Amino acid sequence: MTNIMKNIINISKNIFVESHHVYIDVPFDKKDIVKRKGAKWDIENKK
């Protein structure tokens, strides 16, 4: 597992896997950190 993934896991509250997506529950004040690491908002599913 990469350091980036470890950091995201440490920041997130929960991780959800649906189909081919991995959803992470990130506190609002940490959203910019995970966005810089490559996380994206799923507009269609609002997750």
PDB file of N, CA and C in Angstrom:
ATOM      1  N   MET A   1       0.857  -1.176   0.000  1.00  0.00           N
ATOM      2  CA  MET A   1       0.000   0.000   0.000  1.00  0.00           C
ATOM      3  C   MET A   1       0.902   1.238   0.000  1.00  0.00           C
ATOM      4  N   THR A   2       0.526   2.215  -0.814  1.00  0.00           N
ATOM      5  CA  THR A   2       1.349   3.408  -0.919  1.00  0.00           C
ATOM      6  C   THR A   2       1.145   4.322   0.276  1.00  0.00           C
ATOM      7  N   ASN A   3       2.095   5.219   0.477  1.00  0.00           N
ATOM      8  CA  ASN A   3       1.973   6.201   1.557  1.00  0.00           C
ATOM      9  C   ASN A   3       0.762   7.097   1.350  1.00  0.00           C
ATOM     10  N   ILE A   4       0.445   7.397   0.097  1.00  0.00           N
ATOM     11  CA  ILE A   4      -0.724   8.231  -0.190  1.00  0.00           C
ATOM     12  C   ILE A   4      -1.974   7.547   0.330  1.00  0.00           C
ATOM     13  N   MET A   5      -2.139   6.266   0.031  1.00  0.00           N
ATOM     14  CA  MET A   5      -3.320   5.533   0.493  1.00  0.00           C
ATOM     15  C   MET A   5      -3.350   5.446   2.013  1.00  0.00           C
ATOM     16  N   LYS A   6      -2.204   5.249   2.631  1.00  0.00           N
ATOM     17  CA  LYS A   6      -2.156   5.200   4.100  1.00  0.00           C
ATOM     18  C   LYS A   6      -2.608   6.525   4.692  1.00  0.00           C
ATOM     19  N   ASN A   7      -2.175   7.641   4.090  1.00  0.00           N
ATOM     20  CA  ASN A   7      -2.581   8.955   4.584  1.00  0.00           C
ATOM     21  C   ASN A   7      -4.082   9.156   4.427  1.00  0.00           C
ATOM     22  N   ILE A   8      -4.626   8.773   3.293  1.00  0.00           N
ATOM     23  CA  ILE A   8      -6.063   8.924   3.063  1.00  0.00           C
ATOM     24  C   ILE A   8      -6.842   8.066   4.046  1.00  0.00           C
ATOM     25  N   ILE A   9      -6.390   6.860   4.288  1.00  0.00           N
ATOM     26  CA  ILE A   9      -7.069   5.977   5.239  1.00  0.00           C
ATOM     27  C   ILE A   9      -7.020   6.574   6.641  1.00  0.00           C
ATOM     28  N   ASN A  10      -5.905   7.175   7.003  1.00  0.00           N
ATOM     29  CA  ASN A  10      -5.791   7.799   8.326  1.00  0.00           C
ATOM     30  C   ASN A  10      -6.709   9.004   8.469  1.00  0.00           C
ATOM     31  N   ILE A  11      -6.954   9.733   7.389  1.00  0.00           N
ATOM     32  CA  ILE A  11      -7.803  10.919   7.417  1.00  0.00           C
ATOM     33  C   ILE A  11      -9.274  10.545   7.391  1.00  0.00           C
ATOM     34  N   SER A  12      -9.610   9.509   6.637  1.00  0.00           N
ATOM     35  CA  SER A  12     -11.017   9.175   6.419  1.00  0.00           C
ATOM     36  C   SER A  12     -11.642   8.535   7.658  1.00  0.00           C
ATOM     37  N   LYS A  13     -12.948   8.720   7.788  1.00  0.00           N
ATOM     38  CA  LYS A  13     -13.699   8.111   8.884  1.00  0.00           C
ATOM     39  C   LYS A  13     -14.108   6.693   8.523  1.00  0.00           C
ATOM     40  N   ASN A  14     -14.558   6.504   7.295  1.00  0.00           N
ATOM     41  CA  ASN A  14     -15.007   5.195   6.819  1.00  0.00           C
ATOM     42  C   ASN A  14     -14.647   5.042   5.352  1.00  0.00           C
ATOM     43  N   ILE A  15     -14.504   3.807   4.926  1.00  0.00           N
ATOM     44  CA  ILE A  15     -14.240   3.507   3.528  1.00  0.00           C
ATOM     45  C   ILE A  15     -15.316   2.546   3.046  1.00  0.00           C
ATOM     46  N   PHE A  16     -15.925   2.859   1.901  1.00  0.00           N
ATOM     47  CA  PHE A  16     -16.988   2.046   1.348  1.00  0.00           C
ATOM     48  C   PHE A  16     -16.593   1.617  -0.061  1.00  0.00           C
ATOM     49  N   VAL A  17     -16.815   0.359  -0.388  1.00  0.00           N
ATOM     50  CA  VAL A  17     -16.540  -0.137  -1.731  1.00  0.00           C
ATOM     51  C   VAL A  17     -17.875  -0.470  -2.383  1.00  0.00           C
ATOM     52  N   GLU A  18     -18.146   0.176  -3.511  1.00  0.00           N
ATOM     53  CA  GLU A  18     -19.356  -0.091  -4.280  1.00  0.00           C
ATOM     54  C   GLU A  18     -18.953  -0.242  -5.737  1.00  0.00           C
ATOM     55  N   SER A  19     -19.250  -1.402  -6.298  1.00  0.00           N
ATOM     56  CA  SER A  19     -18.918  -1.682  -7.685  1.00  0.00           C
ATOM     57  C   SER A  19     -17.421  -1.489  -7.875  1.00  0.00           C
ATOM     58  N   HIS A  20     -17.020  -0.632  -8.792  1.00  0.00           N
ATOM     59  CA  HIS A  20     -15.600  -0.401  -9.039  1.00  0.00           C
ATOM     60  C   HIS A  20     -15.122   0.908  -8.416  1.00  0.00           C
ATOM     61  N   HIS A  21     -15.947   1.487  -7.532  1.00  0.00           N
ATOM     62  CA  HIS A  21     -15.569   2.719  -6.845  1.00  0.00           C
ATOM     63  C   HIS A  21     -15.238   2.430  -5.383  1.00  0.00           C
ATOM     64  N   VAL A  22     -14.341   3.202  -4.851  1.00  0.00           N
ATOM     65  CA  VAL A  22     -14.053   3.160  -3.419  1.00  0.00           C
ATOM     66  C   VAL A  22     -14.429   4.521  -2.876  1.00  0.00           C
ATOM     67  N   TYR A  23     -15.387   4.536  -1.947  1.00  0.00           N
ATOM     68  CA  TYR A  23     -15.837   5.788  -1.349  1.00  0.00           C
ATOM     69  C   TYR A  23     -15.236   5.917   0.041  1.00  0.00           C
ATOM     70  N   ILE A  24     -14.724   7.088   0.330  1.00  0.00           N
ATOM     71  CA  ILE A  24     -14.159   7.336   1.654  1.00  0.00           C
ATOM     72  C   ILE A  24     -14.930   8.470   2.309  1.00  0.00           C
ATOM     73  N   ASP A  25     -15.177   8.322   3.582  1.00  0.00           N
ATOM     74  CA  ASP A  25     -15.887   9.331   4.361  1.00  0.00           C
ATOM     75  C   ASP A  25     -14.835  10.229   5.000  1.00  0.00           C
ATOM     76  N   VAL A  26     -14.668  11.414   4.435  1.00  0.00           N
ATOM     77  CA  VAL A  26     -13.613  12.332   4.857  1.00  0.00           C
ATOM     78  C   VAL A  26     -14.241  13.560   5.514  1.00  0.00           C
ATOM     79  N   PRO A  27     -13.736  13.975   6.664  1.00  0.00           N
ATOM     80  CA  PRO A  27     -14.249  15.200   7.272  1.00  0.00           C
ATOM     81  C   PRO A  27     -14.089  16.380   6.314  1.00  0.00           C
ATOM     82  N   PHE A  28     -15.060  17.287   6.323  1.00  0.00           N
ATOM     83  CA  PHE A  28     -15.063  18.408   5.392  1.00  0.00           C
ATOM     84  C   PHE A  28     -13.754  19.199   5.434  1.00  0.00           C
ATOM     85  N   ASP A  29     -13.208  19.396   6.615  1.00  0.00           N
ATOM     86  CA  ASP A  29     -11.985  20.201   6.721  1.00  0.00           C
ATOM     87  C   ASP A  29     -10.748  19.492   6.163  1.00  0.00           C
ATOM     88  N   LYS A  30     -10.862  18.218   5.832  1.00  0.00           N
ATOM     89  CA  LYS A  30      -9.745  17.450   5.262  1.00  0.00           C
ATOM     90  C   LYS A  30      -9.915  17.185   3.772  1.00  0.00           C
ATOM     91  N   LYS A  31     -11.035  17.643   3.172  1.00  0.00           N
ATOM     92  CA  LYS A  31     -11.349  17.315   1.781  1.00  0.00           C
ATOM     93  C   LYS A  31     -10.283  17.784   0.801  1.00  0.00           C
ATOM     94  N   ASP A  32      -9.689  18.936   1.034  1.00  0.00           N
ATOM     95  CA  ASP A  32      -8.673  19.441   0.114  1.00  0.00           C
ATOM     96  C   ASP A  32      -7.415  18.583   0.124  1.00  0.00           C
ATOM     97  N   ILE A  33      -7.101  17.999   1.263  1.00  0.00           N
ATOM     98  CA  ILE A  33      -5.930  17.118   1.357  1.00  0.00           C
ATOM     99  C   ILE A  33      -6.127  15.900   0.466  1.00  0.00           C
ATOM    100  N   VAL A  34      -7.289  15.249   0.586  1.00  0.00           N
ATOM    101  CA  VAL A  34      -7.506  14.041  -0.222  1.00  0.00           C
ATOM    102  C   VAL A  34      -7.707  14.378  -1.691  1.00  0.00           C
ATOM    103  N   LYS A  35      -8.239  15.558  -1.991  1.00  0.00           N
ATOM    104  CA  LYS A  35      -8.360  15.978  -3.396  1.00  0.00           C
ATOM    105  C   LYS A  35      -6.980  16.118  -4.027  1.00  0.00           C
ATOM    106  N   ARG A  36      -6.040  16.682  -3.279  1.00  0.00           N
ATOM    107  CA  ARG A  36      -4.664  16.819  -3.797  1.00  0.00           C
ATOM    108  C   ARG A  36      -4.023  15.456  -4.034  1.00  0.00           C
ATOM    109  N   LYS A  37      -4.483  14.454  -3.301  1.00  0.00           N
ATOM    110  CA  LYS A  37      -3.950  13.098  -3.457  1.00  0.00           C
ATOM    111  C   LYS A  37      -4.641  12.336  -4.571  1.00  0.00           C
ATOM    112  N   GLY A  38      -5.683  12.942  -5.185  1.00  0.00           N
ATOM    113  CA  GLY A  38      -6.320  12.304  -6.328  1.00  0.00           C
ATOM    114  C   GLY A  38      -7.761  11.884  -6.122  1.00  0.00           C
ATOM    115  N   ALA A  39      -8.296  12.067  -4.923  1.00  0.00           N
ATOM    116  CA  ALA A  39      -9.699  11.706  -4.690  1.00  0.00           C
ATOM    117  C   ALA A  39     -10.597  12.639  -5.487  1.00  0.00           C
ATOM    118  N   LYS A  40     -11.721  12.103  -5.946  1.00  0.00           N
ATOM    119  CA  LYS A  40     -12.660  12.898  -6.736  1.00  0.00           C
ATOM    120  C   LYS A  40     -14.067  12.722  -6.203  1.00  0.00           C
ATOM    121  N   TRP A  41     -14.880  13.766  -6.340  1.00  0.00           N
ATOM    122  CA  TRP A  41     -16.272  13.738  -5.944  1.00  0.00           C
ATOM    123  C   TRP A  41     -17.065  13.055  -7.053  1.00  0.00           C
ATOM    124  N   ASP A  42     -17.906  12.107  -6.677  1.00  0.00           N
ATOM    125  CA  ASP A  42     -18.770  11.416  -7.635  1.00  0.00           C
ATOM    126  C   ASP A  42     -20.078  12.192  -7.717  1.00  0.00           C
ATOM    127  N   ILE A  43     -20.195  13.033  -8.738  1.00  0.00           N
ATOM    128  CA  ILE A  43     -21.351  13.915  -8.889  1.00  0.00           C
ATOM    129  C   ILE A  43     -22.644  13.105  -9.010  1.00  0.00           C
ATOM    130  N   GLU A  44     -22.606  12.063  -9.833  1.00  0.00           N
ATOM    131  CA  GLU A  44     -23.812  11.283 -10.097  1.00  0.00           C
ATOM    132  C   GLU A  44     -24.378  10.654  -8.819  1.00  0.00           C
ATOM    133  N   ASN A  45     -23.509  10.094  -7.990  1.00  0.00           N
ATOM    134  CA  ASN A  45     -23.936   9.420  -6.761  1.00  0.00           C
ATOM    135  C   ASN A  45     -23.844  10.307  -5.526  1.00  0.00           C
ATOM    136  N   LYS A  46     -23.350  11.518  -5.708  1.00  0.00           N
ATOM    137  CA  LYS A  46     -23.187  12.472  -4.600  1.00  0.00           C
ATOM    138  C   LYS A  46     -22.421  11.849  -3.431  1.00  0.00           C
ATOM    139  N   LYS A  47     -21.297  11.237  -3.786  1.00  0.00           N
ATOM    140  CA  LYS A  47     -20.433  10.608  -2.781  1.00  0.00           C
ATOM    141  C   LYS A  47     -18.995  10.975  -3.058  1.00  0.00           C
TER     142      LYS A  47
END
